[in-house]
Amino acid sequence: MKAPLSYLLLFAVQFACAAVFLYDILANLLGLRAAPISWQFYEFIEIGAALGLTLGVSATGWMLARAIRRQHRAESSLRLASGAFMVVLEERFEQWGLTPAERDVALFAVKGLSLADIAALRNTSEGTVKAQSNAIYRKAGVSGRAQLLSLFIDDLMGEALPGIPSDTASNGPALSKTG
C-alpha cells in the first residue's frame, strides 16, 4: 500500500525536528559547536522544532483515531458478512430439505473439515459421514464439496461469473436469489 504524500511529508517534518533536538543534545555532550549562533535564532529553531513535533503528534493521533474507527467498521462488516453467510447456509439447507444431521455435516464440510474430523466431532463413523455427504450433494445437485462451497460463494457474490449463465456456473441447478 502506497503512503500518501502528506504522510511522508509529516514523517519528514517529525524526523527533521527530532534531528534538531538530537543534534543539540549531542553537540552539548561532545562539545561539537563550531560556530556560535545568536540565542534569538537558536530559540526560533527550537520553537520551530517543538511546533513541528507537536503538529506531528497531533496529526499522528488523528490518523490513529481514524485507523481505529476504520478497523471497527471493518470488523463490524465482517460480523455482518459472517451472519449473512450463516443466513445463506440456513436458507439453502432448508431449501434442500436437509436433516439436522446433514446440516451439521454440511456446515463442517463447508468449513473444510475432513470426513474423519467430522466423524470424530459427531461421534459417528466415517462411513456414516460419507453417506450423509453424498445425500447432501445429491439434494444440492452438485457432485462434491468444491461445488457445494461454490454455491454459497456465488450467493454471496451476488451474480455468476461474466459470460457464464448462473445455471451452469456451478454445474448445478439454477440458483434463485432469495431475500
N, C-alpha and C. Protein backbone atom coordinates (compact mmCIF):
# COMPACT_ATOMS: atom_id res chain seq x y z
N MET A 1 0.85 -1.17 0.00
CA MET A 1 0.00 0.00 0.00
C MET A 1 0.89 1.23 0.00
N LYS A 2 0.65 2.13 -0.90
CA LYS A 2 1.46 3.32 -1.05
C LYS A 2 1.00 4.39 -0.06
N ALA A 3 1.96 4.99 0.67
CA ALA A 3 1.63 6.03 1.64
C ALA A 3 1.35 7.34 0.91
N PRO A 4 0.30 8.07 1.33
CA PRO A 4 0.03 9.36 0.72
C PRO A 4 1.18 10.33 0.96
N LEU A 5 1.33 11.29 0.07
CA LEU A 5 2.41 12.27 0.17
C LEU A 5 2.35 13.03 1.48
N SER A 6 1.14 13.33 1.97
CA SER A 6 1.01 14.06 3.24
C SER A 6 1.61 13.28 4.40
N TYR A 7 1.49 11.95 4.39
CA TYR A 7 2.08 11.14 5.46
C TYR A 7 3.60 11.19 5.38
N LEU A 8 4.12 11.11 4.18
CA LEU A 8 5.57 11.16 4.01
C LEU A 8 6.11 12.52 4.42
N LEU A 9 5.40 13.59 4.08
CA LEU A 9 5.80 14.93 4.45
C LEU A 9 5.77 15.10 5.97
N LEU A 10 4.73 14.58 6.60
CA LEU A 10 4.62 14.64 8.06
C LEU A 10 5.77 13.89 8.71
N PHE A 11 6.10 12.73 8.18
CA PHE A 11 7.23 11.97 8.70
C PHE A 11 8.52 12.75 8.56
N ALA A 12 8.73 13.39 7.42
CA ALA A 12 9.95 14.16 7.19
C ALA A 12 10.06 15.33 8.17
N VAL A 13 8.94 16.02 8.43
CA VAL A 13 8.94 17.14 9.38
C VAL A 13 9.29 16.63 10.78
N GLN A 14 8.66 15.54 11.20
CA GLN A 14 8.95 14.99 12.52
C GLN A 14 10.41 14.55 12.62
N PHE A 15 10.92 13.92 11.58
CA PHE A 15 12.30 13.47 11.59
C PHE A 15 13.25 14.66 11.70
N ALA A 16 12.99 15.71 10.93
CA ALA A 16 13.86 16.89 10.97
C ALA A 16 13.82 17.56 12.35
N CYS A 17 12.63 17.66 12.93
CA CYS A 17 12.50 18.27 14.26
C CYS A 17 13.21 17.45 15.32
N ALA A 18 13.05 16.15 15.26
CA ALA A 18 13.74 15.28 16.21
C ALA A 18 15.25 15.38 16.01
N ALA A 19 15.70 15.50 14.77
CA ALA A 19 17.13 15.62 14.48
C ALA A 19 17.70 16.90 15.10
N VAL A 20 16.92 17.99 15.10
CA VAL A 20 17.38 19.25 15.71
C VAL A 20 17.66 19.02 17.19
N PHE A 21 16.72 18.42 17.91
CA PHE A 21 16.91 18.19 19.34
C PHE A 21 18.03 17.18 19.60
N LEU A 22 18.12 16.16 18.79
CA LEU A 22 19.18 15.17 18.97
C LEU A 22 20.55 15.80 18.72
N TYR A 23 20.66 16.62 17.69
CA TYR A 23 21.92 17.32 17.42
C TYR A 23 22.29 18.23 18.58
N ASP A 24 21.31 18.94 19.13
CA ASP A 24 21.56 19.84 20.25
C ASP A 24 22.11 19.08 21.45
N ILE A 25 21.52 17.94 21.74
CA ILE A 25 21.98 17.13 22.88
C ILE A 25 23.40 16.62 22.63
N LEU A 26 23.64 16.05 21.45
CA LEU A 26 24.97 15.53 21.13
C LEU A 26 26.02 16.64 21.08
N ALA A 27 25.64 17.80 20.56
CA ALA A 27 26.58 18.91 20.50
C ALA A 27 26.99 19.36 21.90
N ASN A 28 26.03 19.39 22.83
CA ASN A 28 26.35 19.77 24.20
C ASN A 28 27.22 18.71 24.88
N LEU A 29 26.92 17.43 24.66
CA LEU A 29 27.67 16.35 25.31
C LEU A 29 29.10 16.24 24.76
N LEU A 30 29.23 16.39 23.46
CA LEU A 30 30.52 16.15 22.82
C LEU A 30 31.27 17.44 22.48
N GLY A 31 30.69 18.59 22.79
CA GLY A 31 31.34 19.87 22.50
C GLY A 31 31.55 20.10 21.02
N LEU A 32 30.54 19.86 20.19
CA LEU A 32 30.67 19.94 18.74
C LEU A 32 30.34 21.32 18.16
N ARG A 33 29.96 22.28 18.94
CA ARG A 33 29.58 23.59 18.40
C ARG A 33 30.80 24.25 17.75
N ALA A 34 30.70 24.47 16.45
CA ALA A 34 31.82 25.06 15.71
C ALA A 34 31.69 26.58 15.66
N ALA A 35 30.53 27.05 15.21
CA ALA A 35 30.34 28.50 15.11
C ALA A 35 29.17 28.89 15.99
N PRO A 36 29.35 29.83 16.87
CA PRO A 36 28.24 30.23 17.74
C PRO A 36 27.16 30.94 16.92
N ILE A 37 25.90 30.73 17.34
CA ILE A 37 24.79 31.42 16.70
C ILE A 37 24.09 32.25 17.77
N SER A 38 23.36 33.26 17.33
CA SER A 38 22.69 34.13 18.31
C SER A 38 21.63 33.35 19.06
N TRP A 39 21.40 33.74 20.29
CA TRP A 39 20.43 32.99 21.10
C TRP A 39 19.02 33.16 20.55
N GLN A 40 18.72 34.32 19.90
CA GLN A 40 17.39 34.52 19.33
C GLN A 40 17.14 33.51 18.20
N PHE A 41 18.13 33.35 17.30
CA PHE A 41 17.99 32.41 16.21
C PHE A 41 17.88 30.98 16.74
N TYR A 42 18.68 30.67 17.77
CA TYR A 42 18.65 29.35 18.40
C TYR A 42 17.26 29.06 18.99
N GLU A 43 16.67 30.07 19.63
CA GLU A 43 15.34 29.92 20.21
C GLU A 43 14.29 29.69 19.11
N PHE A 44 14.40 30.41 18.00
CA PHE A 44 13.48 30.21 16.88
C PHE A 44 13.58 28.78 16.33
N ILE A 45 14.79 28.26 16.23
CA ILE A 45 14.98 26.88 15.76
C ILE A 45 14.30 25.90 16.70
N GLU A 46 14.51 26.09 18.01
CA GLU A 46 13.90 25.17 18.99
C GLU A 46 12.38 25.31 19.02
N ILE A 47 11.86 26.52 18.91
CA ILE A 47 10.41 26.72 18.88
C ILE A 47 9.83 26.05 17.63
N GLY A 48 10.49 26.22 16.50
CA GLY A 48 10.03 25.58 15.27
C GLY A 48 10.04 24.06 15.38
N ALA A 49 11.11 23.53 15.98
CA ALA A 49 11.20 22.08 16.14
C ALA A 49 10.11 21.58 17.09
N ALA A 50 9.86 22.30 18.17
CA ALA A 50 8.82 21.90 19.12
C ALA A 50 7.44 21.97 18.47
N LEU A 51 7.19 23.02 17.68
CA LEU A 51 5.91 23.12 16.98
C LEU A 51 5.76 21.99 15.95
N GLY A 52 6.85 21.68 15.26
CA GLY A 52 6.80 20.58 14.29
C GLY A 52 6.49 19.25 14.94
N LEU A 53 7.12 18.99 16.08
CA LEU A 53 6.83 17.74 16.79
C LEU A 53 5.40 17.73 17.34
N THR A 54 4.94 18.87 17.84
CA THR A 54 3.56 18.96 18.33
C THR A 54 2.57 18.71 17.20
N LEU A 55 2.82 19.31 16.05
CA LEU A 55 1.98 19.07 14.88
C LEU A 55 2.01 17.60 14.49
N GLY A 56 3.19 17.00 14.52
CA GLY A 56 3.33 15.58 14.18
C GLY A 56 2.57 14.68 15.13
N VAL A 57 2.66 14.97 16.43
CA VAL A 57 1.95 14.16 17.43
C VAL A 57 0.44 14.31 17.24
N SER A 58 -0.01 15.55 17.00
CA SER A 58 -1.45 15.78 16.79
C SER A 58 -1.94 15.04 15.55
N ALA A 59 -1.20 15.17 14.46
CA ALA A 59 -1.61 14.51 13.22
C ALA A 59 -1.56 12.99 13.37
N THR A 60 -0.55 12.49 14.05
CA THR A 60 -0.45 11.05 14.26
C THR A 60 -1.61 10.55 15.11
N GLY A 61 -1.98 11.30 16.14
CA GLY A 61 -3.14 10.94 16.97
C GLY A 61 -4.42 10.91 16.16
N TRP A 62 -4.60 11.90 15.29
CA TRP A 62 -5.78 11.95 14.42
C TRP A 62 -5.80 10.75 13.48
N MET A 63 -4.64 10.44 12.88
CA MET A 63 -4.57 9.30 11.96
C MET A 63 -4.82 7.99 12.70
N LEU A 64 -4.31 7.87 13.93
CA LEU A 64 -4.53 6.66 14.71
C LEU A 64 -6.01 6.50 15.03
N ALA A 65 -6.66 7.58 15.45
CA ALA A 65 -8.10 7.51 15.75
C ALA A 65 -8.88 7.12 14.50
N ARG A 66 -8.50 7.67 13.35
CA ARG A 66 -9.17 7.34 12.09
C ARG A 66 -8.96 5.87 11.72
N ALA A 67 -7.74 5.38 11.94
CA ALA A 67 -7.46 3.97 11.64
C ALA A 67 -8.24 3.04 12.56
N ILE A 68 -8.38 3.43 13.82
CA ILE A 68 -9.14 2.60 14.77
C ILE A 68 -10.61 2.58 14.37
N ARG A 69 -11.17 3.74 13.96
CA ARG A 69 -12.57 3.77 13.51
C ARG A 69 -12.75 2.89 12.27
N ARG A 70 -11.80 2.97 11.35
CA ARG A 70 -11.87 2.15 10.14
C ARG A 70 -11.81 0.66 10.49
N GLN A 71 -10.95 0.31 11.45
CA GLN A 71 -10.85 -1.09 11.87
C GLN A 71 -12.16 -1.56 12.49
N HIS A 72 -12.79 -0.72 13.30
CA HIS A 72 -14.07 -1.10 13.91
C HIS A 72 -15.15 -1.30 12.84
N ARG A 73 -15.16 -0.42 11.83
CA ARG A 73 -16.14 -0.59 10.75
C ARG A 73 -15.88 -1.88 9.98
N ALA A 74 -14.60 -2.18 9.73
CA ALA A 74 -14.27 -3.41 9.00
C ALA A 74 -14.68 -4.64 9.82
N GLU A 75 -14.42 -4.61 11.13
CA GLU A 75 -14.81 -5.74 11.98
C GLU A 75 -16.32 -5.89 12.01
N SER A 76 -17.03 -4.77 12.05
CA SER A 76 -18.49 -4.82 12.04
C SER A 76 -19.00 -5.40 10.72
N SER A 77 -18.40 -4.97 9.62
CA SER A 77 -18.79 -5.51 8.31
C SER A 77 -18.51 -7.00 8.22
N LEU A 78 -17.39 -7.42 8.79
CA LEU A 78 -17.05 -8.84 8.78
C LEU A 78 -18.07 -9.64 9.58
N ARG A 79 -18.49 -9.11 10.73
CA ARG A 79 -19.52 -9.79 11.53
C ARG A 79 -20.82 -9.89 10.74
N LEU A 80 -21.18 -8.79 10.05
CA LEU A 80 -22.41 -8.82 9.25
C LEU A 80 -22.29 -9.83 8.12
N ALA A 81 -21.13 -9.85 7.45
CA ALA A 81 -20.93 -10.80 6.36
C ALA A 81 -20.99 -12.23 6.87
N SER A 82 -20.39 -12.46 8.03
CA SER A 82 -20.42 -13.79 8.63
C SER A 82 -21.85 -14.19 8.95
N GLY A 83 -22.62 -13.25 9.50
CA GLY A 83 -24.02 -13.52 9.78
C GLY A 83 -24.81 -13.76 8.50
N ALA A 84 -24.50 -12.98 7.46
CA ALA A 84 -25.17 -13.16 6.17
C ALA A 84 -24.85 -14.53 5.59
N PHE A 85 -23.62 -14.97 5.74
CA PHE A 85 -23.23 -16.28 5.24
C PHE A 85 -24.02 -17.37 5.95
N MET A 86 -24.18 -17.23 7.26
CA MET A 86 -24.95 -18.23 8.01
C MET A 86 -26.42 -18.22 7.57
N VAL A 87 -26.95 -17.04 7.25
CA VAL A 87 -28.33 -16.96 6.76
C VAL A 87 -28.44 -17.68 5.42
N VAL A 88 -27.47 -17.44 4.53
CA VAL A 88 -27.46 -18.12 3.23
C VAL A 88 -27.39 -19.63 3.42
N LEU A 89 -26.51 -20.08 4.32
CA LEU A 89 -26.40 -21.51 4.59
C LEU A 89 -27.74 -22.08 5.05
N GLU A 90 -28.34 -21.43 6.02
CA GLU A 90 -29.60 -21.94 6.57
C GLU A 90 -30.71 -21.96 5.50
N GLU A 91 -30.74 -20.91 4.67
CA GLU A 91 -31.75 -20.88 3.60
C GLU A 91 -31.57 -22.05 2.65
N ARG A 92 -30.33 -22.30 2.26
CA ARG A 92 -30.04 -23.41 1.34
C ARG A 92 -30.37 -24.75 2.00
N PHE A 93 -29.96 -24.92 3.24
CA PHE A 93 -30.22 -26.18 3.94
C PHE A 93 -31.72 -26.44 4.00
N GLU A 94 -32.49 -25.38 4.26
CA GLU A 94 -33.95 -25.50 4.32
C GLU A 94 -34.50 -25.85 2.94
N GLN A 95 -34.00 -25.15 1.92
CA GLN A 95 -34.46 -25.37 0.53
C GLN A 95 -34.19 -26.81 0.10
N TRP A 96 -33.06 -27.35 0.47
CA TRP A 96 -32.68 -28.70 0.07
C TRP A 96 -33.33 -29.78 0.93
N GLY A 97 -33.95 -29.37 2.04
CA GLY A 97 -34.60 -30.33 2.93
C GLY A 97 -33.60 -31.21 3.68
N LEU A 98 -32.51 -30.63 4.13
CA LEU A 98 -31.51 -31.41 4.86
C LEU A 98 -32.01 -31.75 6.27
N THR A 99 -31.67 -32.93 6.72
CA THR A 99 -31.97 -33.32 8.09
C THR A 99 -31.00 -32.58 9.03
N PRO A 100 -31.30 -32.54 10.34
CA PRO A 100 -30.38 -31.89 11.27
C PRO A 100 -28.95 -32.47 11.20
N ALA A 101 -28.85 -33.79 11.06
CA ALA A 101 -27.52 -34.41 10.96
C ALA A 101 -26.82 -33.98 9.67
N GLU A 102 -27.57 -33.93 8.57
CA GLU A 102 -26.98 -33.50 7.30
C GLU A 102 -26.57 -32.02 7.36
N ARG A 103 -27.35 -31.22 8.09
CA ARG A 103 -26.99 -29.80 8.25
C ARG A 103 -25.64 -29.68 8.97
N ASP A 104 -25.47 -30.47 10.02
CA ASP A 104 -24.18 -30.45 10.74
C ASP A 104 -23.03 -30.85 9.83
N VAL A 105 -23.22 -31.92 9.12
CA VAL A 105 -22.17 -32.43 8.23
C VAL A 105 -21.87 -31.40 7.14
N ALA A 106 -22.92 -30.80 6.56
CA ALA A 106 -22.72 -29.80 5.50
C ALA A 106 -21.97 -28.59 6.04
N LEU A 107 -22.32 -28.14 7.23
CA LEU A 107 -21.64 -26.99 7.82
C LEU A 107 -20.17 -27.30 8.06
N PHE A 108 -19.88 -28.47 8.61
CA PHE A 108 -18.48 -28.87 8.83
C PHE A 108 -17.73 -29.01 7.51
N ALA A 109 -18.41 -29.52 6.49
CA ALA A 109 -17.78 -29.68 5.18
C ALA A 109 -17.44 -28.32 4.57
N VAL A 110 -18.35 -27.37 4.69
CA VAL A 110 -18.12 -26.03 4.17
C VAL A 110 -16.97 -25.36 4.92
N LYS A 111 -16.84 -25.69 6.21
CA LYS A 111 -15.72 -25.14 6.99
C LYS A 111 -14.39 -25.79 6.64
N GLY A 112 -14.43 -26.89 5.86
CA GLY A 112 -13.20 -27.51 5.39
C GLY A 112 -12.71 -28.70 6.19
N LEU A 113 -13.52 -29.21 7.10
CA LEU A 113 -13.10 -30.36 7.89
C LEU A 113 -13.13 -31.63 7.04
N SER A 114 -12.24 -32.54 7.34
CA SER A 114 -12.18 -33.82 6.63
C SER A 114 -13.31 -34.73 7.14
N LEU A 115 -13.55 -35.80 6.37
CA LEU A 115 -14.58 -36.76 6.81
C LEU A 115 -14.24 -37.34 8.17
N ALA A 116 -12.96 -37.63 8.40
CA ALA A 116 -12.54 -38.19 9.69
C ALA A 116 -12.78 -37.19 10.82
N ASP A 117 -12.48 -35.92 10.57
CA ASP A 117 -12.70 -34.89 11.59
C ASP A 117 -14.18 -34.73 11.90
N ILE A 118 -15.00 -34.73 10.85
CA ILE A 118 -16.44 -34.60 11.05
C ILE A 118 -16.97 -35.79 11.83
N ALA A 119 -16.51 -36.99 11.48
CA ALA A 119 -16.95 -38.20 12.20
C ALA A 119 -16.56 -38.11 13.67
N ALA A 120 -15.35 -37.64 13.95
CA ALA A 120 -14.90 -37.53 15.34
C ALA A 120 -15.74 -36.51 16.10
N LEU A 121 -16.02 -35.39 15.48
CA LEU A 121 -16.83 -34.35 16.15
C LEU A 121 -18.26 -34.81 16.41
N ARG A 122 -18.80 -35.62 15.51
CA ARG A 122 -20.19 -36.06 15.62
C ARG A 122 -20.32 -37.42 16.30
N ASN A 123 -19.20 -38.02 16.68
CA ASN A 123 -19.20 -39.34 17.31
C ASN A 123 -19.92 -40.38 16.44
N THR A 124 -19.60 -40.37 15.14
CA THR A 124 -20.14 -41.33 14.21
C THR A 124 -19.00 -41.92 13.40
N SER A 125 -19.33 -42.88 12.56
CA SER A 125 -18.28 -43.48 11.72
C SER A 125 -18.07 -42.63 10.47
N GLU A 126 -16.92 -42.82 9.85
CA GLU A 126 -16.63 -42.11 8.60
C GLU A 126 -17.61 -42.54 7.51
N GLY A 127 -18.01 -43.79 7.53
CA GLY A 127 -18.97 -44.27 6.55
C GLY A 127 -20.30 -43.53 6.64
N THR A 128 -20.74 -43.28 7.86
CA THR A 128 -21.99 -42.54 8.06
C THR A 128 -21.85 -41.12 7.52
N VAL A 129 -20.72 -40.48 7.83
CA VAL A 129 -20.49 -39.11 7.35
C VAL A 129 -20.41 -39.08 5.83
N LYS A 130 -19.76 -40.10 5.25
CA LYS A 130 -19.66 -40.16 3.79
C LYS A 130 -21.05 -40.33 3.17
N ALA A 131 -21.89 -41.17 3.75
CA ALA A 131 -23.25 -41.36 3.24
C ALA A 131 -24.06 -40.07 3.38
N GLN A 132 -23.91 -39.38 4.51
CA GLN A 132 -24.61 -38.12 4.69
C GLN A 132 -24.11 -37.06 3.70
N SER A 133 -22.82 -37.05 3.46
CA SER A 133 -22.24 -36.11 2.48
C SER A 133 -22.81 -36.36 1.09
N ASN A 134 -22.88 -37.62 0.71
CA ASN A 134 -23.45 -37.96 -0.60
C ASN A 134 -24.91 -37.53 -0.70
N ALA A 135 -25.65 -37.70 0.38
CA ALA A 135 -27.05 -37.27 0.39
C ALA A 135 -27.14 -35.75 0.24
N ILE A 136 -26.24 -35.04 0.89
CA ILE A 136 -26.21 -33.56 0.80
C ILE A 136 -25.92 -33.14 -0.63
N TYR A 137 -24.90 -33.77 -1.25
CA TYR A 137 -24.53 -33.42 -2.62
C TYR A 137 -25.69 -33.70 -3.58
N ARG A 138 -26.37 -34.82 -3.37
CA ARG A 138 -27.49 -35.17 -4.23
C ARG A 138 -28.62 -34.15 -4.08
N LYS A 139 -28.96 -33.80 -2.86
CA LYS A 139 -30.04 -32.84 -2.61
C LYS A 139 -29.68 -31.45 -3.14
N ALA A 140 -28.40 -31.10 -3.09
CA ALA A 140 -27.95 -29.78 -3.56
C ALA A 140 -27.75 -29.76 -5.07
N GLY A 141 -27.69 -30.93 -5.69
CA GLY A 141 -27.49 -31.01 -7.13
C GLY A 141 -26.05 -30.75 -7.55
N VAL A 142 -25.13 -31.15 -6.69
CA VAL A 142 -23.70 -30.97 -7.00
C VAL A 142 -23.02 -32.32 -6.91
N SER A 143 -21.75 -32.36 -7.37
CA SER A 143 -21.05 -33.64 -7.35
C SER A 143 -19.99 -33.74 -6.27
N GLY A 144 -19.76 -32.67 -5.52
CA GLY A 144 -18.73 -32.75 -4.48
C GLY A 144 -18.67 -31.50 -3.63
N ARG A 145 -17.74 -31.52 -2.70
CA ARG A 145 -17.59 -30.45 -1.72
C ARG A 145 -17.26 -29.10 -2.37
N ALA A 146 -16.38 -29.11 -3.37
CA ALA A 146 -15.98 -27.86 -4.02
C ALA A 146 -17.18 -27.18 -4.67
N GLN A 147 -18.01 -27.96 -5.35
CA GLN A 147 -19.20 -27.39 -5.99
C GLN A 147 -20.21 -26.91 -4.93
N LEU A 148 -20.30 -27.64 -3.82
CA LEU A 148 -21.18 -27.23 -2.75
C LEU A 148 -20.76 -25.85 -2.23
N LEU A 149 -19.49 -25.70 -1.98
CA LEU A 149 -18.98 -24.43 -1.48
C LEU A 149 -19.18 -23.32 -2.51
N SER A 150 -19.01 -23.64 -3.79
CA SER A 150 -19.17 -22.62 -4.83
C SER A 150 -20.60 -22.09 -4.88
N LEU A 151 -21.58 -22.90 -4.52
CA LEU A 151 -22.96 -22.42 -4.49
C LEU A 151 -23.11 -21.26 -3.50
N PHE A 152 -22.49 -21.40 -2.34
CA PHE A 152 -22.59 -20.36 -1.32
C PHE A 152 -21.78 -19.13 -1.71
N ILE A 153 -20.64 -19.35 -2.32
CA ILE A 153 -19.82 -18.22 -2.77
C ILE A 153 -20.56 -17.44 -3.84
N ASP A 154 -21.20 -18.15 -4.78
CA ASP A 154 -21.99 -17.47 -5.81
C ASP A 154 -23.10 -16.64 -5.18
N ASP A 155 -23.77 -17.18 -4.16
CA ASP A 155 -24.82 -16.43 -3.48
C ASP A 155 -24.28 -15.16 -2.85
N LEU A 156 -23.13 -15.25 -2.20
CA LEU A 156 -22.56 -14.08 -1.53
C LEU A 156 -22.04 -13.05 -2.53
N MET A 157 -21.53 -13.54 -3.66
CA MET A 157 -21.02 -12.61 -4.68
C MET A 157 -22.17 -11.92 -5.39
N GLY A 158 -23.33 -12.52 -5.37
CA GLY A 158 -24.50 -11.87 -5.92
C GLY A 158 -24.79 -12.18 -7.37
N GLU A 159 -23.82 -12.67 -8.11
CA GLU A 159 -24.08 -13.00 -9.50
C GLU A 159 -23.02 -13.96 -10.01
N ALA A 160 -23.33 -14.57 -11.13
CA ALA A 160 -22.41 -15.54 -11.73
C ALA A 160 -21.24 -14.81 -12.38
N LEU A 161 -20.26 -15.57 -12.80
CA LEU A 161 -19.12 -15.00 -13.50
C LEU A 161 -19.55 -14.42 -14.83
N PRO A 162 -18.89 -13.34 -15.28
CA PRO A 162 -19.27 -12.75 -16.56
C PRO A 162 -19.16 -13.77 -17.69
N GLY A 163 -20.18 -13.81 -18.53
CA GLY A 163 -20.17 -14.70 -19.68
C GLY A 163 -20.59 -16.12 -19.39
N ILE A 164 -20.85 -16.44 -18.12
CA ILE A 164 -21.28 -17.79 -17.76
C ILE A 164 -22.65 -17.69 -17.14
N PRO A 165 -23.66 -18.32 -17.74
CA PRO A 165 -25.01 -18.27 -17.17
C PRO A 165 -25.01 -18.85 -15.76
N SER A 166 -25.85 -18.30 -14.89
CA SER A 166 -25.87 -18.73 -13.49
C SER A 166 -26.27 -20.18 -13.33
N ASP A 167 -27.04 -20.74 -14.28
CA ASP A 167 -27.45 -22.14 -14.14
C ASP A 167 -26.34 -23.11 -14.49
N THR A 168 -25.25 -22.65 -15.13
CA THR A 168 -24.14 -23.54 -15.45
C THR A 168 -22.86 -23.14 -14.74
N ALA A 169 -22.89 -22.03 -14.01
CA ALA A 169 -21.66 -21.54 -13.37
C ALA A 169 -21.13 -22.52 -12.34
N SER A 170 -22.02 -23.24 -11.68
CA SER A 170 -21.56 -24.16 -10.65
C SER A 170 -21.85 -25.61 -11.02
N ASN A 171 -22.18 -25.87 -12.28
CA ASN A 171 -22.54 -27.22 -12.74
C ASN A 171 -23.66 -27.80 -11.90
N GLY A 172 -24.49 -26.95 -11.39
CA GLY A 172 -25.61 -27.40 -10.58
C GLY A 172 -26.88 -26.74 -11.07
N PRO A 173 -27.94 -26.84 -10.30
CA PRO A 173 -29.20 -26.24 -10.71
C PRO A 173 -29.12 -24.72 -10.65
N ALA A 174 -30.01 -24.07 -11.39
CA ALA A 174 -30.03 -22.61 -11.36
C ALA A 174 -30.36 -22.16 -9.95
N LEU A 175 -29.66 -21.14 -9.50
CA LEU A 175 -29.86 -20.65 -8.15
C LEU A 175 -30.81 -19.46 -8.18
N SER A 176 -31.90 -19.57 -7.49
CA SER A 176 -32.79 -18.44 -7.42
C SER A 176 -32.34 -17.58 -6.25
N LYS A 177 -32.37 -16.29 -6.42
CA LYS A 177 -31.96 -15.37 -5.38
C LYS A 177 -33.15 -15.12 -4.45
N THR A 178 -32.87 -15.29 -3.16
CA THR A 178 -33.92 -15.05 -2.17
C THR A 178 -33.49 -13.92 -1.28
N GLY A 179 -34.45 -13.17 -0.76
CA GLY A 179 -34.22 -12.12 0.21
C GLY A 179 -33.41 -11.05 -0.33
